[in-house]
PDB file of N, CA and C in Angstrom:
ATOM      1  N   MET A   1     141.586  88.347 172.589  1.00  0.00           N
ATOM      2  CA  MET A   1     142.271  88.701 171.353  1.00  0.00           C
ATOM      3  C   MET A   1     142.862  90.095 171.503  1.00  0.00           C
ATOM      4  N   THR A   2     144.113  90.218 171.147  1.00  0.00           N
ATOM      5  CA  THR A   2     144.797  91.498 171.223  1.00  0.00           C
ATOM      6  C   THR A   2     145.072  91.998 169.819  1.00  0.00           C
ATOM      7  N   ALA A   3     144.866  93.287 169.605  1.00  0.00           N
ATOM      8  CA  ALA A   3     145.176  93.870 168.301  1.00  0.00           C
ATOM      9  C   ALA A   3     146.669  93.722 168.042  1.00  0.00           C
ATOM     10  N   PRO A   4     147.046  93.308 166.843  1.00  0.00           N
ATOM     11  CA  PRO A   4     148.466  93.163 166.538  1.00  0.00           C
ATOM     12  C   PRO A   4     149.167  94.512 166.527  1.00  0.00           C
ATOM     13  N   GLY A   5     150.425  94.496 166.895  1.00  0.00           N
ATOM     14  CA  GLY A   5     151.237  95.698 166.799  1.00  0.00           C
ATOM     15  C   GLY A   5     151.026  96.717 167.905  1.00  0.00           C
ATOM     16  N   VAL A   6     150.416  96.326 169.027  1.00  0.00           N
ATOM     17  CA  VAL A   6     150.216  97.271 170.122  1.00  0.00           C
ATOM     18  C   VAL A   6     151.533  97.445 170.857  1.00  0.00           C
ATOM     19  N   ASN A   7     151.990  98.678 170.960  1.00  0.00           N
ATOM     20  CA  ASN A   7     153.231  98.996 171.651  1.00  0.00           C
ATOM     21  C   ASN A   7     152.969  98.968 173.154  1.00  0.00           C
ATOM     22  N   LYS A   8     153.603  98.040 173.864  1.00  0.00           N
ATOM     23  CA  LYS A   8     153.349  97.849 175.298  1.00  0.00           C
ATOM     24  C   LYS A   8     153.749  99.074 176.117  1.00  0.00           C
ATOM     25  N   ASP A   9     154.852  99.738 175.766  1.00  0.00           N
ATOM     26  CA  ASP A   9     155.264 100.938 176.507  1.00  0.00           C
ATOM     27  C   ASP A   9     154.253 102.059 176.329  1.00  0.00           C
ATOM     28  N   LEU A  10     153.772 102.238 175.108  1.00  0.00           N
ATOM     29  CA  LEU A  10     152.757 103.255 174.852  1.00  0.00           C
ATOM     30  C   LEU A  10     151.491 102.938 175.640  1.00  0.00           C
ATOM     31  N   LEU A  11     151.106 101.680 175.658  1.00  0.00           N
ATOM     32  CA  LEU A  11     149.911 101.262 176.384  1.00  0.00           C
ATOM     33  C   LEU A  11     150.035 101.590 177.872  1.00  0.00           C
ATOM     34  N   GLU A  12     151.197 101.348 178.452  1.00  0.00           N
ATOM     35  CA  GLU A  12     151.416 101.678 179.865  1.00  0.00           C
ATOM     36  C   GLU A  12     151.279 103.182 180.096  1.00  0.00           C
ATOM     37  N   ASN A  13     151.793 103.986 179.181  1.00  0.00           N
ATOM     38  CA  ASN A  13     151.709 105.445 179.324  1.00  0.00           C
ATOM     39  C   ASN A  13     150.296 105.977 179.103  1.00  0.00           C
ATOM     40  N   LEU A  14     149.507 105.297 178.290  1.00  0.00           N
ATOM     41  CA  LEU A  14     148.134 105.732 178.038  1.00  0.00           C
ATOM     42  C   LEU A  14     147.233 105.543 179.249  1.00  0.00           C
ATOM     43  N   PHE A  15     147.558 104.565 180.090  1.00  0.00           N
ATOM     44  CA  PHE A  15     146.674 104.217 181.201  1.00  0.00           C
ATOM     45  C   PHE A  15     147.408 104.210 182.543  1.00  0.00           C
ATOM     46  N   PRO A  16     147.886 105.377 182.992  1.00  0.00           N
ATOM     47  CA  PRO A  16     148.501 105.442 184.324  1.00  0.00           C
ATOM     48  C   PRO A  16     147.410 105.350 185.389  1.00  0.00           C
ATOM     49  N   PRO A  17     147.783 105.106 186.639  1.00  0.00           N
ATOM     50  CA  PRO A  17     146.758 105.115 187.692  1.00  0.00           C
ATOM     51  C   PRO A  17     146.116 106.500 187.787  1.00  0.00           C
ATOM     52  N   PRO A  18     144.845 106.572 188.172  1.00  0.00           N
ATOM     53  CA  PRO A  18     144.242 107.891 188.413  1.00  0.00           C
ATOM     54  C   PRO A  18     145.094 108.652 189.423  1.00  0.00           C
ATOM     55  N   SER A  19     145.137 109.954 189.332  1.00  0.00           N
ATOM     56  CA  SER A  19     146.074 110.747 190.128  1.00  0.00           C
ATOM     57  C   SER A  19     145.932 110.534 191.624  1.00  0.00           C
ATOM     58  N   PHE A  20     144.741 110.304 192.123  1.00  0.00           N
ATOM     59  CA  PHE A  20     144.592 110.091 193.557  1.00  0.00           C
ATOM     60  C   PHE A  20     145.043 108.702 193.988  1.00  0.00           C
ATOM     61  N   ALA A  21     145.314 107.811 193.048  1.00  0.00           N
ATOM     62  CA  ALA A  21     145.718 106.450 193.398  1.00  0.00           C
ATOM     63  C   ALA A  21     147.059 106.431 194.112  1.00  0.00           C
ATOM     64  N   SER A  22     147.878 107.459 193.952  1.00  0.00           N
ATOM     65  CA  SER A  22     149.157 107.506 194.651  1.00  0.00           C
ATOM     66  C   SER A  22     148.953 107.563 196.158  1.00  0.00           C
ATOM     67  N   ALA A  23     147.762 107.923 196.606  1.00  0.00           N
ATOM     68  CA  ALA A  23     147.476 107.959 198.041  1.00  0.00           C
ATOM     69  C   ALA A  23     147.641 106.585 198.674  1.00  0.00           C
ATOM     70  N   PHE A  24     147.533 105.526 197.888  1.00  0.00           N
ATOM     71  CA  PHE A  24     147.604 104.189 198.458  1.00  0.00           C
ATOM     72  C   PHE A  24     149.026 103.770 198.798  1.00  0.00           C
ATOM     73  N   LYS A  25     149.999 104.556 198.410  1.00  0.00           N
ATOM     74  CA  LYS A  25     151.383 104.256 198.756  1.00  0.00           C
ATOM     75  C   LYS A  25     151.716 104.751 200.162  1.00  0.00           C
ATOM     76  N   ILE A  26     150.887 105.599 200.720  1.00  0.00           N
ATOM     77  CA  ILE A  26     151.121 106.169 202.046  1.00  0.00           C
ATOM     78  C   ILE A  26     149.971 105.726 202.941  1.00  0.00           C
ATOM     79  N   SER A  27     150.260 104.885 203.907  1.00  0.00           N
ATOM     80  CA  SER A  27     149.186 104.307 204.712  1.00  0.00           C
ATOM     81  C   SER A  27     148.453 105.335 205.567  1.00  0.00           C
ATOM     82  N   SER A  28     149.064 106.481 205.861  1.00  0.00           N
ATOM     83  CA  SER A  28     148.409 107.477 206.710  1.00  0.00           C
ATOM     84  C   SER A  28     147.383 108.316 205.951  1.00  0.00           C
ATOM     85  N   VAL A  29     147.384 108.217 204.624  1.00  0.00           N
ATOM     86  CA  VAL A  29     146.436 108.989 203.819  1.00  0.00           C
ATOM     87  C   VAL A  29     145.157 108.177 203.686  1.00  0.00           C
ATOM     88  N   PRO A  30     144.008 108.758 204.026  1.00  0.00           N
ATOM     89  CA  PRO A  30     142.761 107.994 203.944  1.00  0.00           C
ATOM     90  C   PRO A  30     142.379 107.672 202.504  1.00  0.00           C
ATOM     91  N   THR A  31     141.699 106.564 202.318  1.00  0.00           N
ATOM     92  CA  THR A  31     141.202 106.167 201.013  1.00  0.00           C
ATOM     93  C   THR A  31     140.091 107.124 200.599  1.00  0.00           C
ATOM     94  N   PRO A  32     140.126 107.678 199.381  1.00  0.00           N
ATOM     95  CA  PRO A  32     139.100 108.621 198.961  1.00  0.00           C
ATOM     96  C   PRO A  32     137.700 108.019 198.910  1.00  0.00           C
ATOM     97  N   ASN A  33     137.603 106.716 198.763  1.00  0.00           N
ATOM     98  CA  ASN A  33     136.318 106.036 198.671  1.00  0.00           C
ATOM     99  C   ASN A  33     136.551 104.603 199.133  1.00  0.00           C
ATOM    100  N   ALA A  34     135.630 104.059 199.860  1.00  0.00           N
ATOM    101  CA  ALA A  34     135.825 102.725 200.439  1.00  0.00           C
ATOM    102  C   ALA A  34     136.058 101.641 199.396  1.00  0.00           C
ATOM    103  N   VAL A  35     135.517 101.802 198.198  1.00  0.00           N
ATOM    104  CA  VAL A  35     135.692 100.761 197.177  1.00  0.00           C
ATOM    105  C   VAL A  35     136.877 101.029 196.257  1.00  0.00           C
ATOM    106  N   ILE A  36     137.517 102.170 196.387  1.00  0.00           N
ATOM    107  CA  ILE A  36     138.703 102.465 195.586  1.00  0.00           C
ATOM    108  C   ILE A  36     139.920 102.035 196.386  1.00  0.00           C
ATOM    109  N   THR A  37     140.511 100.961 195.929  1.00  0.00           N
ATOM    110  CA  THR A  37     141.654 100.367 196.610  1.00  0.00           C
ATOM    111  C   THR A  37     142.789 100.195 195.605  1.00  0.00           C
ATOM    112  N   LEU A  38     143.927  99.780 196.095  1.00  0.00           N
ATOM    113  CA  LEU A  38     145.034  99.477 195.189  1.00  0.00           C
ATOM    114  C   LEU A  38     144.620  98.365 194.219  1.00  0.00           C
ATOM    115  N   GLU A  39     143.905  97.370 194.730  1.00  0.00           N
ATOM    116  CA  GLU A  39     143.444  96.270 193.871  1.00  0.00           C
ATOM    117  C   GLU A  39     142.464  96.764 192.800  1.00  0.00           C
ATOM    118  N   SER A  40     141.507  97.621 193.178  1.00  0.00           N
ATOM    119  CA  SER A  40     140.542  98.105 192.179  1.00  0.00           C
ATOM    120  C   SER A  40     141.217  99.031 191.172  1.00  0.00           C
ATOM    121  N   THR A  41     142.227  99.780 191.610  1.00  0.00           N
ATOM    122  CA  THR A  41     142.969 100.647 190.695  1.00  0.00           C
ATOM    123  C   THR A  41     143.745  99.808 189.681  1.00  0.00           C
ATOM    124  N   THR A  42     144.368  98.743 190.152  1.00  0.00           N
ATOM    125  CA  THR A  42     145.082  97.827 189.261  1.00  0.00           C
ATOM    126  C   THR A  42     144.112  97.166 188.283  1.00  0.00           C
ATOM    127  N   THR A  43     142.941  96.779 188.772  1.00  0.00           N
ATOM    128  CA  THR A  43     141.918  96.179 187.905  1.00  0.00           C
ATOM    129  C   THR A  43     141.440  97.177 186.861  1.00  0.00           C
ATOM    130  N   LEU A  44     141.224  98.426 187.268  1.00  0.00           N
ATOM    131  CA  LEU A  44     140.815  99.471 186.322  1.00  0.00           C
ATOM    132  C   LEU A  44     141.838  99.600 185.201  1.00  0.00           C
ATOM    133  N   GLN A  45     143.110  99.693 185.547  1.00  0.00           N
ATOM    134  CA  GLN A  45     144.152  99.817 184.526  1.00  0.00           C
ATOM    135  C   GLN A  45     144.162  98.606 183.600  1.00  0.00           C
ATOM    136  N   ARG A  46     144.031  97.408 184.169  1.00  0.00           N
ATOM    137  CA  ARG A  46     144.045  96.185 183.356  1.00  0.00           C
ATOM    138  C   ARG A  46     142.874  96.173 182.379  1.00  0.00           C
ATOM    139  N   LEU A  47     141.685  96.532 182.847  1.00  0.00           N
ATOM    140  CA  LEU A  47     140.504  96.506 181.982  1.00  0.00           C
ATOM    141  C   LEU A  47     140.549  97.608 180.926  1.00  0.00           C
ATOM    142  N   LEU A  48     141.069  98.784 181.263  1.00  0.00           N
ATOM    143  CA  LEU A  48     141.217  99.852 180.265  1.00  0.00           C
ATOM    144  C   LEU A  48     142.175  99.423 179.153  1.00  0.00           C
ATOM    145  N   LYS A  49     143.276  98.795 179.539  1.00  0.00           N
ATOM    146  CA  LYS A  49     144.241  98.310 178.545  1.00  0.00           C
ATOM    147  C   LYS A  49     143.625  97.205 177.689  1.00  0.00           C
ATOM    148  N   ASP A  50     142.891  96.306 178.347  1.00  0.00           N
ATOM    149  CA  ASP A  50     142.233  95.216 177.626  1.00  0.00           C
ATOM    150  C   ASP A  50     141.248  95.776 176.601  1.00  0.00           C
ATOM    151  N   ASN A  51     140.448  96.743 177.011  1.00  0.00           N
ATOM    152  CA  ASN A  51     139.501  97.381 176.090  1.00  0.00           C
ATOM    153  C   ASN A  51     140.241  98.034 174.924  1.00  0.00           C
ATOM    154  N   HIS A  52     141.312  98.744 175.223  1.00  0.00           N
ATOM    155  CA  HIS A  52     142.075  99.450 174.185  1.00  0.00           C
ATOM    156  C   HIS A  52     142.686  98.470 173.182  1.00  0.00           C
ATOM    157  N   GLN A  53     143.167  97.348 173.678  1.00  0.00           N
ATOM    158  CA  GLN A  53     143.820  96.374 172.811  1.00  0.00           C
ATOM    159  C   GLN A  53     142.832  95.519 172.018  1.00  0.00           C
ATOM    160  N   ARG A  54     141.713  95.178 172.604  1.00  0.00           N
ATOM    161  CA  ARG A  54     140.810  94.198 171.995  1.00  0.00           C
ATOM    162  C   ARG A  54     139.681  94.782 171.177  1.00  0.00           C
ATOM    163  N   HIS A  55     139.225  95.989 171.497  1.00  0.00           N
ATOM    164  CA  HIS A  55     137.981  96.467 170.908  1.00  0.00           C
ATOM    165  C   HIS A  55     138.169  97.678 170.010  1.00  0.00           C
ATOM    166  N   HIS A  56     137.367  97.717 168.999  1.00  0.00           N
ATOM    167  CA  HIS A  56     137.347  98.834 168.056  1.00  0.00           C
ATOM    168  C   HIS A  56     136.713 100.050 168.725  1.00  0.00           C
ATOM    169  N   VAL A  57     137.032 101.225 168.248  1.00  0.00           N
ATOM    170  CA  VAL A  57     136.479 102.456 168.817  1.00  0.00           C
ATOM    171  C   VAL A  57     134.989 102.605 168.503  1.00  0.00           C
ATOM    172  N   PHE A  58     134.521 102.012 167.415  1.00  0.00           N
ATOM    173  CA  PHE A  58     133.096 102.028 167.061  1.00  0.00           C
ATOM    174  C   PHE A  58     132.539 100.618 167.179  1.00  0.00           C
ATOM    175  N   PHE A  59     131.245 100.493 167.514  1.00  0.00           N
ATOM    176  CA  PHE A  59     130.716  99.144 167.654  1.00  0.00           C
ATOM    177  C   PHE A  59     129.525  98.821 166.772  1.00  0.00           C
ATOM    178  N   ASN A  60     129.152  99.690 165.847  1.00  0.00           N
ATOM    179  CA  ASN A  60     128.117  99.310 164.882  1.00  0.00           C
ATOM    180  C   ASN A  60     128.285 100.134 163.608  1.00  0.00           C
ATOM    181  N   LYS A  61     127.439  99.866 162.642  1.00  0.00           N
ATOM    182  CA  LYS A  61     127.576 100.509 161.328  1.00  0.00           C
ATOM    183  C   LYS A  61     127.141 101.975 161.314  1.00  0.00           C
ATOM    184  N   ILE A  62     126.512 102.442 162.383  1.00  0.00           N
ATOM    185  CA  ILE A  62     126.171 103.870 162.432  1.00  0.00           C
ATOM    186  C   ILE A  62     127.101 104.627 163.382  1.00  0.00           C
ATOM    187  N   TRP A  63     128.232 104.029 163.655  1.00  0.00           N
ATOM    188  CA  TRP A  63     129.363 104.638 164.333  1.00  0.00           C
ATOM    189  C   TRP A  63     129.094 105.037 165.778  1.00  0.00           C
ATOM    190  N   PHE A  64     128.276 104.255 166.479  1.00  0.00           N
ATOM    191  CA  PHE A  64     128.199 104.460 167.921  1.00  0.00           C
ATOM    192  C   PHE A  64     129.580 104.135 168.458  1.00  0.00           C
ATOM    193  N   HIS A  65     130.092 104.955 169.354  1.00  0.00           N
ATOM    194  CA  HIS A  65     131.444 104.648 169.800  1.00  0.00           C
ATOM    195  C   HIS A  65     131.456 103.918 171.135  1.00  0.00           C
ATOM    196  N   ASN A  66     132.548 103.231 171.344  1.00  0.00           N
ATOM    197  CA  ASN A  66     132.782 102.388 172.502  1.00  0.00           C
ATOM    198  C   ASN A  66     132.847 103.266 173.758  1.00  0.00           C
ATOM    199  N   HIS A  67     131.868 103.114 174.634  1.00  0.00           N
ATOM    200  CA  HIS A  67     131.816 103.878 175.883  1.00  0.00           C
ATOM    201  C   HIS A  67     132.342 103.075 177.072  1.00  0.00           C
ATOM    202  N   LEU A  68     132.941 101.936 176.797  1.00  0.00           N
ATOM    203  CA  LEU A  68     133.359 101.061 177.884  1.00  0.00           C
ATOM    204  C   LEU A  68     134.326 101.749 178.843  1.00  0.00           C
ATOM    205  N   ALA A  69     135.261 102.533 178.344  1.00  0.00           N
ATOM    206  CA  ALA A  69     136.204 103.220 179.236  1.00  0.00           C
ATOM    207  C   ALA A  69     135.473 104.162 180.188  1.00  0.00           C
ATOM    208  N   HIS A  70     134.486 104.883 179.680  1.00  0.00           N
ATOM    209  CA  HIS A  70     133.720 105.798 180.531  1.00  0.00           C
ATOM    210  C   HIS A  70     132.971 105.021 181.612  1.00  0.00           C
ATOM    211  N   HIS A  71     132.374 103.912 181.199  1.00  0.00           N
ATOM    212  CA  HIS A  71     131.622 103.094 182.142  1.00  0.00           C
ATOM    213  C   HIS A  71     132.549 102.505 183.202  1.00  0.00           C
ATOM    214  N   LEU A  72     133.758 102.110 182.800  1.00  0.00           N
ATOM    215  CA  LEU A  72     134.697 101.542 183.769  1.00  0.00           C
ATOM    216  C   LEU A  72     135.062 102.546 184.855  1.00  0.00           C
ATOM    217  N   PHE A  73     135.276 103.799 184.485  1.00  0.00           N
ATOM    218  CA  PHE A  73     135.594 104.800 185.510  1.00  0.00           C
ATOM    219  C   PHE A  73     134.429 104.998 186.471  1.00  0.00           C
ATOM    220  N   SER A  74     133.212 104.957 185.962  1.00  0.00           N
ATOM    221  CA  SER A  74     132.041 105.066 186.844  1.00  0.00           C
ATOM    222  C   SER A  74     131.942 103.850 187.758  1.00  0.00           C
ATOM    223  N   ALA A  75     132.119 102.667 187.188  1.00  0.00           N
ATOM    224  CA  ALA A  75     132.037 101.437 187.969  1.00  0.00           C
ATOM    225  C   ALA A  75     133.155 101.358 189.008  1.00  0.00           C
ATOM    226  N   TYR A  76     134.291 101.933 188.696  1.00  0.00           N
ATOM    227  CA  TYR A  76     135.440 101.978 189.603  1.00  0.00           C
ATOM    228  C   TYR A  76     135.055 102.629 190.929  1.00  0.00           C
ATOM    229  N   THR A  77     134.237 103.650 190.869  1.00  0.00           N
ATOM    230  CA  THR A  77     133.876 104.380 192.087  1.00  0.00           C
ATOM    231  C   THR A  77     132.797 103.686 192.908  1.00  0.00           C
ATOM    232  N   ILE A  78     132.157 102.660 192.343  1.00  0.00           N
ATOM    233  CA  ILE A  78     131.132 101.943 193.107  1.00  0.00           C
ATOM    234  C   ILE A  78     131.471 100.469 193.301  1.00  0.00           C
ATOM    235  N   GLY A  79     132.669 100.065 192.878  1.00  0.00           N
ATOM    236  CA  GLY A  79     133.118  98.698 193.119  1.00  0.00           C
ATOM    237  C   GLY A  79     132.542  97.653 192.192  1.00  0.00           C
ATOM    238  N   ALA A  80     132.272  98.004 190.946  1.00  0.00           N
ATOM    239  CA  ALA A  80     131.648  97.058 190.014  1.00  0.00           C
ATOM    240  C   ALA A  80     132.418  96.946 188.705  1.00  0.00           C
ATOM    241  N   LEU A  81     133.733  96.991 188.764  1.00  0.00           N
ATOM    242  CA  LEU A  81     134.548  97.038 187.549  1.00  0.00           C
ATOM    243  C   LEU A  81     134.362  95.844 186.622  1.00  0.00           C
ATOM    244  N   GLN A  82     134.598  94.656 187.124  1.00  0.00           N
ATOM    245  CA  GLN A  82     134.550  93.488 186.244  1.00  0.00           C
ATOM    246  C   GLN A  82     133.153  93.292 185.675  1.00  0.00           C
ATOM    247  N   ALA A  83     132.136  93.520 186.483  1.00  0.00           N
ATOM    248  CA  ALA A  83     130.755  93.383 186.005  1.00  0.00           C
ATOM    249  C   ALA A  83     130.470  94.370 184.876  1.00  0.00           C
ATOM    250  N   ALA A  84     130.951  95.601 185.007  1.00  0.00           N
ATOM    251  CA  ALA A  84     130.748  96.607 183.957  1.00  0.00           C
ATOM    252  C   ALA A  84     131.461  96.198 182.675  1.00  0.00           C
ATOM    253  N   PHE A  85     132.684  95.717 182.798  1.00  0.00           N
ATOM    254  CA  PHE A  85     133.438  95.283 181.625  1.00  0.00           C
ATOM    255  C   PHE A  85     132.721  94.128 180.932  1.00  0.00           C
ATOM    256  N   ASP A  86     132.330  93.131 181.702  1.00  0.00           N
ATOM    257  CA  ASP A  86     131.668  91.959 181.129  1.00  0.00           C
ATOM    258  C   ASP A  86     130.344  92.326 180.463  1.00  0.00           C
ATOM    259  N   GLU A  87     129.636  93.277 181.029  1.00  0.00           N
ATOM    260  CA  GLU A  87     128.338  93.696 180.488  1.00  0.00           C
ATOM    261  C   GLU A  87     128.471  94.289 179.089  1.00  0.00           C
ATOM    262  N   HIS A  88     129.582  94.965 178.806  1.00  0.00           N
ATOM    263  CA  HIS A  88     129.721  95.670 177.534  1.00  0.00           C
ATOM    264  C   HIS A  88     130.751  95.069 176.577  1.00  0.00           C
ATOM    265  N   ALA A  89     131.658  94.268 177.057  1.00  0.00           N
ATOM    266  CA  ALA A  89     132.727  93.750 176.197  1.00  0.00           C
ATOM    267  C   ALA A  89     132.218  92.772 175.144  1.00  0.00           C
ATOM    268  N   TRP A  90     131.175  92.031 175.438  1.00  0.00           N
ATOM    269  CA  TRP A  90     130.734  90.965 174.535  1.00  0.00           C
ATOM    270  C   TRP A  90     130.297  91.480 173.171  1.00  0.00           C
ATOM    271  N   TYR A  91     129.789  92.702 173.069  1.00  0.00           N
ATOM    272  CA  TYR A  91     129.297  93.180 171.768  1.00  0.00           C
ATOM    273  C   TYR A  91     130.273  94.122 171.055  1.00  0.00           C
ATOM    274  N   GLN A  92     131.431  94.342 171.630  1.00  0.00           N
ATOM    275  CA  GLN A  92     132.416  95.209 170.989  1.00  0.00           C
ATOM    276  C   GLN A  92     133.133  94.423 169.891  1.00  0.00           C
ATOM    277  N   PRO A  93     133.243  94.963 168.682  1.00  0.00           N
ATOM    278  CA  PRO A  93     133.995  94.257 167.637  1.00  0.00           C
ATOM    279  C   PRO A  93     135.490  94.322 167.939  1.00  0.00           C
ATOM    280  N   PRO A  94     136.237  93.393 167.395  1.00  0.00           N
ATOM    281  CA  PRO A  94     137.670  93.381 167.677  1.00  0.00           C
ATOM    282  C   PRO A  94     138.399  94.559 167.034  1.00  0.00           C
ATOM    283  N   ALA A  95     139.486  94.938 167.680  1.00  0.00           N
ATOM    284  CA  ALA A  95     140.387  95.930 167.092  1.00  0.00           C
ATOM    285  C   ALA A  95     141.122  95.247 165.940  1.00  0.00           C
ATOM    286  N   TYR A  96     141.689  96.031 165.060  1.00  0.00           N
ATOM    287  CA  TYR A  96     142.442  95.447 163.962  1.00  0.00           C
ATOM    288  C   TYR A  96     143.721  96.241 163.745  1.00  0.00           C
ATOM    289  N   LYS A  97     144.652  95.601 163.070  1.00  0.00           N
ATOM    290  CA  LYS A  97     145.957  96.206 162.836  1.00  0.00           C
ATOM    291  C   LYS A  97     145.842  97.336 161.821  1.00  0.00           C
ATOM    292  N   SER A  98     146.517  98.441 162.107  1.00  0.00           N
ATOM    293  CA  SER A  98     146.554  99.560 161.167  1.00  0.00           C
ATOM    294  C   SER A  98     147.323  99.153 159.917  1.00  0.00           C
ATOM    295  N   PRO A  99     146.943  99.675 158.750  1.00  0.00           N
ATOM    296  CA  PRO A  99     147.642  99.313 157.516  1.00  0.00           C
ATOM    297  C   PRO A  99     149.086  99.820 157.494  1.00  0.00           C
ATOM    298  N   GLU A 100     149.348 100.860 158.232  1.00  0.00           N
ATOM    299  CA  GLU A 100     150.707 101.385 158.400  1.00  0.00           C
ATOM    300  C   GLU A 100     150.714 102.213 159.675  1.00  0.00           C
ATOM    301  N   ARG A 101     151.882 102.674 160.080  1.00  0.00           N
ATOM    302  CA  ARG A 101     151.971 103.484 161.293  1.00  0.00           C
ATOM    303  C   ARG A 101     151.225 104.799 161.071  1.00  0.00           C
ATOM    304  N   ILE A 102     150.262 105.086 161.946  1.00  0.00           N
ATOM    305  CA  ILE A 102     149.478 106.313 161.832  1.00  0.00           C
ATOM    306  C   ILE A 102     150.225 107.424 162.561  1.00  0.00           C
ATOM    307  N   THR A 103     150.474 108.504 161.863  1.00  0.00           N
ATOM    308  CA  THR A 103     151.193 109.640 162.446  1.00  0.00           C
ATOM    309  C   THR A 103     150.334 110.895 162.353  1.00  0.00           C
ATOM    310  N   HIS A 104     150.791 111.936 162.983  1.00  0.00           N
ATOM    311  CA  HIS A 104     150.080 113.218 162.952  1.00  0.00           C
ATOM    312  C   HIS A 104     149.941 113.724 161.510  1.00  0.00           C
ATOM    313  N   GLU A 105     150.922 113.446 160.699  1.00  0.00           N
ATOM    314  CA  GLU A 105     150.917 113.952 159.328  1.00  0.00           C
ATOM    315  C   GLU A 105     149.935 113.212 158.405  1.00  0.00           C
ATOM    316  N   ILE A 106     149.675 111.939 158.663  1.00  0.00           N
ATOM    317  CA  ILE A 106     148.865 111.156 157.715  1.00  0.00           C
ATOM    318  C   ILE A 106     147.560 110.611 158.296  1.00  0.00           C
ATOM    319  N   TRP A 107     147.185 110.973 159.497  1.00  0.00           N
ATOM    320  CA  TRP A 107     146.004 110.362 160.118  1.00  0.00           C
ATOM    321  C   TRP A 107     144.731 110.580 159.318  1.00  0.00           C
ATOM    322  N   LYS A 108     144.606 111.715 158.626  1.00  0.00           N
ATOM    323  CA  LYS A 108     143.383 111.992 157.860  1.00  0.00           C
ATOM    324  C   LYS A 108     143.208 111.025 156.685  1.00  0.00           C
ATOM    325  N   LYS A 109     144.310 110.472 156.216  1.00  0.00           N
ATOM    326  CA  LYS A 109     144.260 109.514 155.114  1.00  0.00           C
ATOM    327  C   LYS A 109     143.399 108.297 155.487  1.00  0.00           C
ATOM    328  N   PHE A 110     143.351 107.971 156.767  1.00  0.00           N
ATOM    329  CA  PHE A 110     142.654 106.769 157.223  1.00  0.00           C
ATOM    330  C   PHE A 110     141.324 107.063 157.912  1.00  0.00           C
ATOM    331  N   LEU A 111     140.989 108.301 158.064  1.00  0.00           N
ATOM    332  CA  LEU A 111     139.767 108.677 158.767  1.00  0.00           C
ATOM    333  C   LEU A 111     138.537 108.093 158.079  1.00  0.00           C
ATOM    334  N   GLY A 112     137.755 107.331 158.808  1.00  0.00           N
ATOM    335  CA  GLY A 112     136.544 106.730 158.265  1.00  0.00           C
ATOM    336  C   GLY A 112     136.751 105.417 157.543  1.00  0.00           C
ATOM    337  N   GLU A 113     137.986 104.979 157.397  1.00  0.00           N
ATOM    338  CA  GLU A 113     138.269 103.719 156.706  1.00  0.00           C
ATOM    339  C   GLU A 113     138.053 102.545 157.654  1.00  0.00           C
ATOM    340  N   GLU A 114     137.420 101.502 157.172  1.00  0.00           N
ATOM    341  CA  GLU A 114     137.187 100.314 157.991  1.00  0.00           C
ATOM    342  C   GLU A 114     138.186  99.208 157.688  1.00  0.00           C
ATOM    343  N   GLU A 115     138.845  99.267 156.578  1.00  0.00           N
ATOM    344  CA  GLU A 115     139.758  98.185 156.189  1.00  0.00           C
ATOM    345  C   GLU A 115     141.152  98.444 156.689  1.00  0.00           C
TER     346      GLU A 115
END
């Protein structure tokens, strides 16, 4: 499930490859870590976008926040991306559409609102 109204261009800009990932375009540059590959970098970006689109920032009524992105970066360095995502995605509540476009000027109007 994807949150309605997600701007695809914005989503691409929010989740660029990690800065060292450009090393994979030059074959003479060694891989910083044996499990960090072009494929794992692409998977990291896909899972970060999926988390951003599908899951709410909080996951319970006492406002524990979604740590899945942090866990994905850790799992990225040890080669366990999909397993980390699957372990935490099941209990994340879905994202929902904003009632209107949230801007710098009006964001406080919606702070703490669940509807």
